[in-house]
Amino acid sequence: MPQTYIGVDVAKDWIDICDPATSRQVRIPTDRRSLRSFAETVGTSIVILEASGGYERPVISALSEAGRLVTCVNPRHAREFARATGRLAKSDRVDAQVLAEMGRALQLAPASQRSAERQRLSDLTAHRSNITTMIVAEKNRLRTTQDAWIRRNIARHIKTLQANLAKAEAEIEAVIQEQDDLREQAARLRQIKGIGPVVSATLIAQLPELGQLDRRRIAALAGLAPHANDSGHRRGKRSIWGGRGTIRRTLYLAALTASRFDPRFRAFKERLLAAGKAKKPVIVACARKLLTVLNAMIKTGTAYRDAIV
């Protein structure tokens, strides 16, 4: 039997459902009872929906609890697919139809479901990132503010944010230490200089595919794969783009440290610099190599010193 797909466009208060197999197009509220009823009608179809700033989570949760198949796609990819198929109009109903057609045309596979612990870890690392962003913003304001009262108020706010940051990091570490698999994976990742508690938690939470894909696919997923830019006789510069921005930035900073203090990565960086490569692309290459090593370590269950890539 051919695989069937159901498109779901997610909004704050409702979802629009398009099931081409039954020609059903309905809108239902996003309360828990309605979502559970919808999950019971899905059967063996794969539900395709977009990432919608967190509004998709209750839908995914209801489908997962019912044992249904679901995958979440990048909204930009869905919009580009709609334009490629001549769908220029945009509405909730149209978007649901496009998602169903996208699943069928591309034969999208269901995503592996995160455990509750990994989902909480993902939320905590995102929360920590938000706090650090606010701390940087407040410190910038403090440097440019002259009024004494405002400076005192900003300073108090920074102290509060720093206390919240410490609590968030402690909670992240507690979640990792409570689970055997997370604790083992974190310990393995931290064997490399440049991979500390924050980086390892981010990789575990935001890159659950680590160790499950080959080096090229994992690099593309992390936004570290060089993409060609050629046309006719012209050979353009390769560049990285797309992927998961949080993972790319995290690995870049980790590679910066590893290329200074880890002998293997320091030698790799110096070899590229001696070949005339610019410094920033060299650090990107180190980040890609770092990801390849980490991927091999998780896939084979080996220590860093034994990892062969």
C-alpha atoms as a PDB file:
ATOM      1  CA  MET A   1       0.000   0.000   0.000  1.00  0.00           C
ATOM      2  CA  PRO A   2       1.368   3.467  -0.846  1.00  0.00           C
ATOM      3  CA  GLN A   3       2.130   5.722   2.110  1.00  0.00           C
ATOM      4  CA  THR A   4      -0.506   8.375   2.744  1.00  0.00           C
ATOM      5  CA  TYR A   5       0.076  11.839   4.191  1.00  0.00           C
ATOM      6  CA  ILE A   6      -2.032  14.322   6.135  1.00  0.00           C
ATOM      7  CA  GLY A   7      -1.175  18.026   6.078  1.00  0.00           C
ATOM      8  CA  VAL A   8      -1.732  20.080   9.233  1.00  0.00           C
ATOM      9  CA  ASP A   9      -1.354  23.840   9.387  1.00  0.00           C
ATOM     10  CA  VAL A  10      -0.878  24.955  12.987  1.00  0.00           C
ATOM     11  CA  ALA A  11      -2.165  28.236  14.422  1.00  0.00           C
ATOM     12  CA  LYS A  12      -2.407  29.435  18.011  1.00  0.00           C
ATOM     13  CA  ASP A  13      -6.041  28.479  18.599  1.00  0.00           C
ATOM     14  CA  TRP A  14      -6.765  25.885  15.900  1.00  0.00           C
ATOM     15  CA  ILE A  15      -5.281  23.577  13.300  1.00  0.00           C
ATOM     16  CA  ASP A  16      -6.385  23.070   9.697  1.00  0.00           C
ATOM     17  CA  ILE A  17      -6.307  19.452   8.518  1.00  0.00           C
ATOM     18  CA  CYS A  18      -6.083  18.223   4.933  1.00  0.00           C
ATOM     19  CA  ASP A  19      -6.407  14.484   4.307  1.00  0.00           C
ATOM     20  CA  PRO A  20      -6.237  13.846   0.538  1.00  0.00           C
ATOM     21  CA  ALA A  21      -7.037  10.154   0.978  1.00  0.00           C
ATOM     22  CA  THR A  22     -10.510  10.968   2.310  1.00  0.00           C
ATOM     23  CA  SER A  23     -10.862  14.481   0.806  1.00  0.00           C
ATOM     24  CA  ARG A  24     -11.350  15.748   4.355  1.00  0.00           C
ATOM     25  CA  GLN A  25     -10.530  19.360   5.179  1.00  0.00           C
ATOM     26  CA  VAL A  26     -11.526  20.507   8.635  1.00  0.00           C
ATOM     27  CA  ARG A  27     -10.512  22.983  11.313  1.00  0.00           C
ATOM     28  CA  ILE A  28     -10.419  21.925  14.949  1.00  0.00           C
ATOM     29  CA  PRO A  29      -9.420  23.759  18.156  1.00  0.00           C
ATOM     30  CA  THR A  30      -6.094  23.013  19.809  1.00  0.00           C
ATOM     31  CA  ASP A  31      -7.479  21.889  23.140  1.00  0.00           C
ATOM     32  CA  ARG A  32      -6.197  18.551  24.373  1.00  0.00           C
ATOM     33  CA  ARG A  33      -9.458  16.639  23.872  1.00  0.00           C
ATOM     34  CA  SER A  34      -9.811  17.718  20.234  1.00  0.00           C
ATOM     35  CA  LEU A  35      -6.195  16.896  19.446  1.00  0.00           C
ATOM     36  CA  ARG A  36      -6.529  13.434  20.999  1.00  0.00           C
ATOM     37  CA  SER A  37      -9.669  12.799  18.932  1.00  0.00           C
ATOM     38  CA  PHE A  38      -7.812  13.872  15.796  1.00  0.00           C
ATOM     39  CA  ALA A  39      -4.884  11.564  16.600  1.00  0.00           C
ATOM     40  CA  GLU A  40      -7.269   8.602  16.778  1.00  0.00           C
ATOM     41  CA  THR A  41      -8.370   9.210  13.168  1.00  0.00           C
ATOM     42  CA  VAL A  42      -4.881   9.407  11.654  1.00  0.00           C
ATOM     43  CA  GLY A  43      -4.284   5.687  11.287  1.00  0.00           C
ATOM     44  CA  THR A  44      -1.051   4.818   9.472  1.00  0.00           C
ATOM     45  CA  SER A  45      -0.770   8.147   7.636  1.00  0.00           C
ATOM     46  CA  ILE A  46       2.206  10.415   8.280  1.00  0.00           C
ATOM     47  CA  VAL A  47       1.184  13.836   9.573  1.00  0.00           C
ATOM     48  CA  ILE A  48       3.194  16.702   8.069  1.00  0.00           C
ATOM     49  CA  LEU A  49       3.282  20.029   9.879  1.00  0.00           C
ATOM     50  CA  GLU A  50       5.539  23.072  10.108  1.00  0.00           C
ATOM     51  CA  ALA A  51       7.578  24.381  13.009  1.00  0.00           C
ATOM     52  CA  SER A  52       5.395  27.197  14.369  1.00  0.00           C
ATOM     53  CA  GLY A  53       7.260  28.751  17.253  1.00  0.00           C
ATOM     54  CA  GLY A  54       6.183  26.075  19.736  1.00  0.00           C
ATOM     55  CA  TYR A  55       2.476  25.982  18.821  1.00  0.00           C
ATOM     56  CA  GLU A  56       3.118  22.681  17.046  1.00  0.00           C
ATOM     57  CA  ARG A  57       4.235  20.920  20.240  1.00  0.00           C
ATOM     58  CA  PRO A  58       0.777  20.033  21.623  1.00  0.00           C
ATOM     59  CA  VAL A  59      -0.122  18.526  18.240  1.00  0.00           C
ATOM     60  CA  ILE A  60       3.086  16.478  18.093  1.00  0.00           C
ATOM     61  CA  SER A  61       2.609  15.402  21.701  1.00  0.00           C
ATOM     62  CA  ALA A  62      -0.964  14.185  21.075  1.00  0.00           C
ATOM     63  CA  LEU A  63       0.118  12.260  17.962  1.00  0.00           C
ATOM     64  CA  SER A  64       3.114  10.722  19.716  1.00  0.00           C
ATOM     65  CA  GLU A  65       1.041   9.602  22.698  1.00  0.00           C
ATOM     66  CA  ALA A  66      -1.313   7.855  20.259  1.00  0.00           C
ATOM     67  CA  GLY A  67       1.622   6.175  18.495  1.00  0.00           C
ATOM     68  CA  ARG A  68       1.061   8.077  15.223  1.00  0.00           C
ATOM     69  CA  LEU A  69       3.706   9.051  12.685  1.00  0.00           C
ATOM     70  CA  VAL A  70       4.588  12.724  12.381  1.00  0.00           C
ATOM     71  CA  THR A  71       7.316  14.908  10.926  1.00  0.00           C
ATOM     72  CA  CYS A  72       7.926  18.632  11.329  1.00  0.00           C
ATOM     73  CA  VAL A  73       9.318  20.519   8.327  1.00  0.00           C
ATOM     74  CA  ASN A  74      11.088  23.843   7.928  1.00  0.00           C
ATOM     75  CA  PRO A  75       8.506  26.558   7.030  1.00  0.00           C
ATOM     76  CA  ARG A  76      10.863  27.987   4.405  1.00  0.00           C
ATOM     77  CA  HIS A  77      11.057  24.615   2.668  1.00  0.00           C
ATOM     78  CA  ALA A  78       7.270  24.330   2.664  1.00  0.00           C
ATOM     79  CA  ARG A  79       6.881  27.833   1.202  1.00  0.00           C
ATOM     80  CA  GLU A  80       9.439  27.136  -1.513  1.00  0.00           C
ATOM     81  CA  PHE A  81       7.647  23.882  -2.361  1.00  0.00           C
ATOM     82  CA  ALA A  82       4.363  25.809  -2.634  1.00  0.00           C
ATOM     83  CA  ARG A  83       5.898  28.337  -5.037  1.00  0.00           C
ATOM     84  CA  ALA A  84       7.533  25.556  -7.068  1.00  0.00           C
ATOM     85  CA  THR A  85       4.116  23.946  -7.552  1.00  0.00           C
ATOM     86  CA  GLY A  86       2.469  27.242  -8.523  1.00  0.00           C
ATOM     87  CA  ARG A  87       0.728  27.883  -5.183  1.00  0.00           C
ATOM     88  CA  LEU A  88       1.226  31.619  -4.732  1.00  0.00           C
ATOM     89  CA  ALA A  89      -1.783  32.169  -2.470  1.00  0.00           C
ATOM     90  CA  LYS A  90      -1.299  31.610   1.242  1.00  0.00           C
ATOM     91  CA  SER A  91      -3.974  30.696   3.752  1.00  0.00           C
ATOM     92  CA  ASP A  92      -4.326  28.110   6.514  1.00  0.00           C
ATOM     93  CA  ARG A  93      -6.382  25.846   4.262  1.00  0.00           C
ATOM     94  CA  VAL A  94      -3.933  26.158   1.352  1.00  0.00           C
ATOM     95  CA  ASP A  95      -0.939  25.578   3.627  1.00  0.00           C
ATOM     96  CA  ALA A  96      -2.462  22.321   4.906  1.00  0.00           C
ATOM     97  CA  GLN A  97      -2.971  21.148   1.319  1.00  0.00           C
ATOM     98  CA  VAL A  98       0.606  22.089   0.411  1.00  0.00           C
ATOM     99  CA  LEU A  99       2.011  20.160   3.376  1.00  0.00           C
ATOM    100  CA  ALA A 100       0.091  17.022   2.404  1.00  0.00           C
ATOM    101  CA  GLU A 101       1.292  17.336  -1.210  1.00  0.00           C
ATOM    102  CA  MET A 102       4.853  17.980  -0.032  1.00  0.00           C
ATOM    103  CA  GLY A 103       4.866  14.816   2.042  1.00  0.00           C
ATOM    104  CA  ARG A 104       3.584  12.724  -0.866  1.00  0.00           C
ATOM    105  CA  ALA A 105       5.865  14.275  -3.497  1.00  0.00           C
ATOM    106  CA  LEU A 106       9.039  14.040  -1.403  1.00  0.00           C
ATOM    107  CA  GLN A 107       8.081  10.811   0.379  1.00  0.00           C
ATOM    108  CA  LEU A 108       8.957  12.362   3.728  1.00  0.00           C
ATOM    109  CA  ALA A 109       9.842   9.921   6.475  1.00  0.00           C
ATOM    110  CA  PRO A 110       8.463  10.216  10.011  1.00  0.00           C
ATOM    111  CA  ALA A 111      10.767  11.893  12.498  1.00  0.00           C
ATOM    112  CA  SER A 112      12.175  10.014  15.456  1.00  0.00           C
ATOM    113  CA  GLN A 113      10.446  11.185  18.609  1.00  0.00           C
ATOM    114  CA  ARG A 114      12.355  12.869  21.402  1.00  0.00           C
ATOM    115  CA  SER A 115      12.047  11.520  24.908  1.00  0.00           C
ATOM    116  CA  ALA A 116      10.476  13.744  27.533  1.00  0.00           C
ATOM    117  CA  GLU A 117      13.924  14.273  29.077  1.00  0.00           C
ATOM    118  CA  ARG A 118      15.465  15.393  25.776  1.00  0.00           C
ATOM    119  CA  GLN A 119      12.517  17.692  25.102  1.00  0.00           C
ATOM    120  CA  ARG A 120      12.922  19.299  28.530  1.00  0.00           C
ATOM    121  CA  LEU A 121      16.650  19.611  27.942  1.00  0.00           C
ATOM    122  CA  SER A 122      15.906  21.330  24.625  1.00  0.00           C
ATOM    123  CA  ASP A 123      13.583  23.793  26.366  1.00  0.00           C
ATOM    124  CA  LEU A 124      16.155  24.490  29.081  1.00  0.00           C
ATOM    125  CA  THR A 125      19.011  25.134  26.646  1.00  0.00           C
ATOM    126  CA  ALA A 126      16.784  27.484  24.633  1.00  0.00           C
ATOM    127  CA  HIS A 127      15.840  29.257  27.886  1.00  0.00           C
ATOM    128  CA  ARG A 128      19.511  29.605  28.805  1.00  0.00           C
ATOM    129  CA  SER A 129      20.266  31.072  25.383  1.00  0.00           C
ATOM    130  CA  ASN A 130      17.491  33.648  25.848  1.00  0.00           C
ATOM    131  CA  ILE A 131      18.915  34.665  29.240  1.00  0.00           C
ATOM    132  CA  THR A 132      22.440  35.129  27.853  1.00  0.00           C
ATOM    133  CA  THR A 133      21.021  37.277  25.036  1.00  0.00           C
ATOM    134  CA  MET A 134      19.276  39.502  27.579  1.00  0.00           C
ATOM    135  CA  ILE A 135      22.451  39.792  29.677  1.00  0.00           C
ATOM    136  CA  VAL A 136      24.445  40.952  26.647  1.00  0.00           C
ATOM    137  CA  ALA A 137      21.732  43.481  25.752  1.00  0.00           C
ATOM    138  CA  GLU A 138      21.608  44.886  29.291  1.00  0.00           C
ATOM    139  CA  LYS A 139      25.403  45.173  29.494  1.00  0.00           C
ATOM    140  CA  ASN A 140      25.379  47.095  26.224  1.00  0.00           C
ATOM    141  CA  ARG A 141      22.754  49.470  27.639  1.00  0.00           C
ATOM    142  CA  LEU A 142      24.800  49.894  30.806  1.00  0.00           C
ATOM    143  CA  ARG A 143      27.821  51.042  28.795  1.00  0.00           C
ATOM    144  CA  THR A 144      25.833  53.708  26.949  1.00  0.00           C
ATOM    145  CA  THR A 145      23.641  55.021  29.779  1.00  0.00           C
ATOM    146  CA  GLN A 146      24.677  58.111  31.765  1.00  0.00           C
ATOM    147  CA  ASP A 147      21.778  58.467  34.207  1.00  0.00           C
ATOM    148  CA  ALA A 148      22.809  57.119  37.621  1.00  0.00           C
ATOM    149  CA  TRP A 149      19.376  55.772  38.580  1.00  0.00           C
ATOM    150  CA  ILE A 150      19.001  53.922  35.275  1.00  0.00           C
ATOM    151  CA  ARG A 151      22.513  52.467  35.635  1.00  0.00           C
ATOM    152  CA  ARG A 152      21.678  51.128  39.110  1.00  0.00           C
ATOM    153  CA  ASN A 153      18.434  49.630  37.823  1.00  0.00           C
ATOM    154  CA  ILE A 154      20.198  47.947  34.883  1.00  0.00           C
ATOM    155  CA  ALA A 155      22.932  46.629  37.195  1.00  0.00           C
ATOM    156  CA  ARG A 156      20.303  45.034  39.461  1.00  0.00           C
ATOM    157  CA  HIS A 157      18.610  43.477  36.429  1.00  0.00           C
ATOM    158  CA  ILE A 158      21.932  42.031  35.223  1.00  0.00           C
ATOM    159  CA  LYS A 159      22.542  40.452  38.638  1.00  0.00           C
ATOM    160  CA  THR A 160      19.063  38.890  38.556  1.00  0.00           C
ATOM    161  CA  LEU A 161      19.637  37.541  35.044  1.00  0.00           C
ATOM    162  CA  GLN A 162      23.026  36.111  36.047  1.00  0.00           C
ATOM    163  CA  ALA A 163      21.420  34.353  39.017  1.00  0.00           C
ATOM    164  CA  ASN A 164      18.739  32.926  36.715  1.00  0.00           C
ATOM    165  CA  LEU A 165      21.459  31.819  34.292  1.00  0.00           C
ATOM    166  CA  ALA A 166      23.233  29.908  37.042  1.00  0.00           C
ATOM    167  CA  LYS A 167      19.958  28.227  38.047  1.00  0.00           C
ATOM    168  CA  ALA A 168      19.204  27.273  34.433  1.00  0.00           C
ATOM    169  CA  GLU A 169      22.669  25.752  33.990  1.00  0.00           C
ATOM    170  CA  ALA A 170      22.303  23.811  37.245  1.00  0.00           C
ATOM    171  CA  GLU A 171      18.923  22.468  36.095  1.00  0.00           C
ATOM    172  CA  ILE A 172      20.395  21.472  32.720  1.00  0.00           C
ATOM    173  CA  GLU A 173      23.157  19.524  34.443  1.00  0.00           C
ATOM    174  CA  ALA A 174      20.639  17.883  36.800  1.00  0.00           C
ATOM    175  CA  VAL A 175      18.527  16.654  33.859  1.00  0.00           C
ATOM    176  CA  ILE A 176      21.635  15.155  32.216  1.00  0.00           C
ATOM    177  CA  GLN A 177      22.875  13.465  35.376  1.00  0.00           C
ATOM    178  CA  GLU A 178      19.475  11.910  36.125  1.00  0.00           C
ATOM    179  CA  GLN A 179      19.441   9.871  32.881  1.00  0.00           C
ATOM    180  CA  ASP A 180      22.048   7.181  32.260  1.00  0.00           C
ATOM    181  CA  ASP A 181      22.108   7.599  28.472  1.00  0.00           C
ATOM    182  CA  LEU A 182      22.337  11.391  28.640  1.00  0.00           C
ATOM    183  CA  ARG A 183      25.030  11.253  31.310  1.00  0.00           C
ATOM    184  CA  GLU A 184      27.107   8.775  29.288  1.00  0.00           C
ATOM    185  CA  GLN A 185      26.763  10.782  26.080  1.00  0.00           C
ATOM    186  CA  ALA A 186      27.674  14.040  27.808  1.00  0.00           C
ATOM    187  CA  ALA A 187      30.762  12.474  29.388  1.00  0.00           C
ATOM    188  CA  ARG A 188      31.862  11.162  25.992  1.00  0.00           C
ATOM    189  CA  LEU A 189      31.403  14.540  24.289  1.00  0.00           C
ATOM    190  CA  ARG A 190      33.293  16.384  27.025  1.00  0.00           C
ATOM    191  CA  GLN A 191      36.469  14.394  26.371  1.00  0.00           C
ATOM    192  CA  ILE A 192      37.432  17.007  23.744  1.00  0.00           C
ATOM    193  CA  LYS A 193      38.766  20.382  24.846  1.00  0.00           C
ATOM    194  CA  GLY A 194      36.212  22.994  23.885  1.00  0.00           C
ATOM    195  CA  ILE A 195      33.228  20.763  24.694  1.00  0.00           C
ATOM    196  CA  GLY A 196      31.991  21.752  28.134  1.00  0.00           C
ATOM    197  CA  PRO A 197      28.677  21.363  29.973  1.00  0.00           C
ATOM    198  CA  VAL A 198      26.857  24.012  27.910  1.00  0.00           C
ATOM    199  CA  VAL A 199      28.084  22.789  24.511  1.00  0.00           C
ATOM    200  CA  SER A 200      27.445  19.125  25.312  1.00  0.00           C
ATOM    201  CA  ALA A 201      23.925  19.886  26.593  1.00  0.00           C
ATOM    202  CA  THR A 202      23.162  21.912  23.465  1.00  0.00           C
ATOM    203  CA  LEU A 203      24.357  19.129  21.168  1.00  0.00           C
ATOM    204  CA  ILE A 204      22.403  16.463  23.044  1.00  0.00           C
ATOM    205  CA  ALA A 205      19.222  18.550  23.093  1.00  0.00           C
ATOM    206  CA  GLN A 206      19.315  20.239  19.688  1.00  0.00           C
ATOM    207  CA  LEU A 207      21.074  17.564  17.600  1.00  0.00           C
ATOM    208  CA  PRO A 208      19.522  14.190  18.565  1.00  0.00           C
ATOM    209  CA  GLU A 209      20.608  12.813  15.155  1.00  0.00           C
ATOM    210  CA  LEU A 210      24.246  12.849  16.315  1.00  0.00           C
ATOM    211  CA  GLY A 211      25.680   9.374  15.790  1.00  0.00           C
ATOM    212  CA  GLN A 212      22.799   8.272  13.540  1.00  0.00           C
ATOM    213  CA  LEU A 213      23.808   9.912  10.234  1.00  0.00           C
ATOM    214  CA  ASP A 214      26.922   9.828   8.068  1.00  0.00           C
ATOM    215  CA  ARG A 215      29.389  12.720   8.228  1.00  0.00           C
ATOM    216  CA  ARG A 216      28.028  14.543   5.171  1.00  0.00           C
ATOM    217  CA  ARG A 217      24.395  14.473   6.280  1.00  0.00           C
ATOM    218  CA  ILE A 218      25.190  15.486   9.856  1.00  0.00           C
ATOM    219  CA  ALA A 219      27.330  18.389   8.568  1.00  0.00           C
ATOM    220  CA  ALA A 220      24.471  19.577   6.343  1.00  0.00           C
ATOM    221  CA  LEU A 221      22.043  19.310   9.259  1.00  0.00           C
ATOM    222  CA  ALA A 222      24.331  21.437  11.414  1.00  0.00           C
ATOM    223  CA  GLY A 223      24.803  24.007   8.657  1.00  0.00           C
ATOM    224  CA  LEU A 224      28.514  23.250   8.263  1.00  0.00           C
ATOM    225  CA  ALA A 225      28.505  21.584   4.834  1.00  0.00           C
ATOM    226  CA  PRO A 226      30.081  23.639   2.017  1.00  0.00           C
ATOM    227  CA  HIS A 227      27.660  24.193  -0.850  1.00  0.00           C
ATOM    228  CA  ALA A 228      28.729  24.663  -4.463  1.00  0.00           C
ATOM    229  CA  ASN A 229      27.997  27.880  -6.358  1.00  0.00           C
ATOM    230  CA  ASP A 230      28.877  26.973  -9.952  1.00  0.00           C
ATOM    231  CA  SER A 231      27.308  27.903 -13.276  1.00  0.00           C
ATOM    232  CA  GLY A 232      28.726  27.025 -16.692  1.00  0.00           C
ATOM    233  CA  HIS A 233      32.452  27.719 -16.662  1.00  0.00           C
ATOM    234  CA  ARG A 234      32.238  29.766 -13.493  1.00  0.00           C
ATOM    235  CA  ARG A 235      33.338  28.156 -10.264  1.00  0.00           C
ATOM    236  CA  GLY A 236      32.083  30.187  -7.346  1.00  0.00           C
ATOM    237  CA  LYS A 237      33.290  30.070  -3.771  1.00  0.00           C
ATOM    238  CA  ARG A 238      31.859  27.294  -1.621  1.00  0.00           C
ATOM    239  CA  SER A 239      29.969  28.551   1.410  1.00  0.00           C
ATOM    240  CA  ILE A 240      27.977  27.181   4.307  1.00  0.00           C
ATOM    241  CA  TRP A 241      24.341  28.122   4.871  1.00  0.00           C
ATOM    242  CA  GLY A 242      21.112  26.670   6.180  1.00  0.00           C
ATOM    243  CA  GLY A 243      21.008  24.000   8.849  1.00  0.00           C
ATOM    244  CA  ARG A 244      20.478  24.627  12.547  1.00  0.00           C
ATOM    245  CA  GLY A 245      21.930  27.996  13.432  1.00  0.00           C
ATOM    246  CA  THR A 246      22.209  27.259  17.149  1.00  0.00           C
ATOM    247  CA  ILE A 247      24.300  24.145  16.487  1.00  0.00           C
ATOM    248  CA  ARG A 248      26.482  25.933  13.928  1.00  0.00           C
ATOM    249  CA  ARG A 249      27.287  28.788  16.314  1.00  0.00           C
ATOM    250  CA  THR A 250      27.896  26.406  19.212  1.00  0.00           C
ATOM    251  CA  LEU A 251      30.308  24.241  17.221  1.00  0.00           C
ATOM    252  CA  TYR A 252      32.125  27.289  15.849  1.00  0.00           C
ATOM    253  CA  LEU A 253      32.907  28.524  19.363  1.00  0.00           C
ATOM    254  CA  ALA A 254      33.859  25.008  20.488  1.00  0.00           C
ATOM    255  CA  ALA A 255      36.171  24.634  17.473  1.00  0.00           C
ATOM    256  CA  LEU A 256      37.785  27.982  18.284  1.00  0.00           C
ATOM    257  CA  THR A 257      38.788  26.610  21.686  1.00  0.00           C
ATOM    258  CA  ALA A 258      39.743  23.161  20.393  1.00  0.00           C
ATOM    259  CA  SER A 259      41.969  24.643  17.689  1.00  0.00           C
ATOM    260  CA  ARG A 260      43.939  26.433  20.401  1.00  0.00           C
ATOM    261  CA  PHE A 261      44.262  23.806  23.087  1.00  0.00           C
ATOM    262  CA  ASP A 262      43.731  20.367  21.494  1.00  0.00           C
ATOM    263  CA  PRO A 263      46.859  19.050  19.686  1.00  0.00           C
ATOM    264  CA  ARG A 264      44.894  17.308  16.925  1.00  0.00           C
ATOM    265  CA  PHE A 265      42.797  20.327  16.033  1.00  0.00           C
ATOM    266  CA  ARG A 266      45.658  22.782  16.518  1.00  0.00           C
ATOM    267  CA  ALA A 267      47.750  20.837  13.988  1.00  0.00           C
ATOM    268  CA  PHE A 268      44.796  20.734  11.584  1.00  0.00           C
ATOM    269  CA  LYS A 269      44.320  24.519  11.867  1.00  0.00           C
ATOM    270  CA  GLU A 270      48.016  25.259  11.386  1.00  0.00           C
ATOM    271  CA  ARG A 271      48.164  23.023   8.316  1.00  0.00           C
ATOM    272  CA  LEU A 272      45.269  24.915   6.690  1.00  0.00           C
ATOM    273  CA  LEU A 273      46.713  28.307   7.609  1.00  0.00           C
ATOM    274  CA  ALA A 274      50.090  27.288   6.141  1.00  0.00           C
ATOM    275  CA  ALA A 275      48.263  26.394   2.926  1.00  0.00           C
ATOM    276  CA  GLY A 276      47.055  29.997   2.657  1.00  0.00           C
ATOM    277  CA  LYS A 277      43.485  29.566   3.912  1.00  0.00           C
ATOM    278  CA  ALA A 278      41.773  32.507   5.619  1.00  0.00           C
ATOM    279  CA  LYS A 279      41.344  32.268   9.384  1.00  0.00           C
ATOM    280  CA  LYS A 280      37.541  32.232   9.582  1.00  0.00           C
ATOM    281  CA  PRO A 281      37.059  29.461   6.953  1.00  0.00           C
ATOM    282  CA  VAL A 282      39.768  27.517   8.800  1.00  0.00           C
ATOM    283  CA  ILE A 283      37.754  27.670  12.052  1.00  0.00           C
ATOM    284  CA  VAL A 284      34.654  26.579  10.106  1.00  0.00           C
ATOM    285  CA  ALA A 285      36.658  23.621   8.770  1.00  0.00           C
ATOM    286  CA  CYS A 286      37.732  22.825  12.341  1.00  0.00           C
ATOM    287  CA  ALA A 287      34.071  22.958  13.436  1.00  0.00           C
ATOM    288  CA  ARG A 288      33.128  20.537  10.663  1.00  0.00           C
ATOM    289  CA  LYS A 289      35.982  18.202  11.642  1.00  0.00           C
ATOM    290  CA  LEU A 290      34.946  18.477  15.297  1.00  0.00           C
ATOM    291  CA  LEU A 291      31.383  17.483  14.389  1.00  0.00           C
ATOM    292  CA  THR A 292      32.688  14.548  12.336  1.00  0.00           C
ATOM    293  CA  VAL A 293      34.754  13.322  15.281  1.00  0.00           C
ATOM    294  CA  LEU A 294      31.852  13.694  17.719  1.00  0.00           C
ATOM    295  CA  ASN A 295      29.519  11.889  15.321  1.00  0.00           C
ATOM    296  CA  ALA A 296      31.958   8.983  14.999  1.00  0.00           C
ATOM    297  CA  MET A 297      32.447   8.777  18.767  1.00  0.00           C
ATOM    298  CA  ILE A 298      28.700   8.563  19.453  1.00  0.00           C
ATOM    299  CA  LYS A 299      28.069   6.158  16.562  1.00  0.00           C
ATOM    300  CA  THR A 300      30.818   3.694  17.553  1.00  0.00           C
ATOM    301  CA  GLY A 301      30.780   4.266  21.311  1.00  0.00           C
ATOM    302  CA  THR A 302      34.524   4.946  21.350  1.00  0.00           C
ATOM    303  CA  ALA A 303      36.606   7.398  23.343  1.00  0.00           C
ATOM    304  CA  TYR A 304      38.087  10.485  21.723  1.00  0.00           C
ATOM    305  CA  ARG A 305      41.612   9.070  21.652  1.00  0.00           C
ATOM    306  CA  ASP A 306      40.353   6.022  19.703  1.00  0.00           C
ATOM    307  CA  ALA A 307      38.079   7.893  17.271  1.00  0.00           C
ATOM    308  CA  ILE A 308      39.122   7.442  13.630  1.00  0.00           C
ATOM    309  CA  VAL A 309      37.512   9.722  11.026  1.00  0.00           C
END
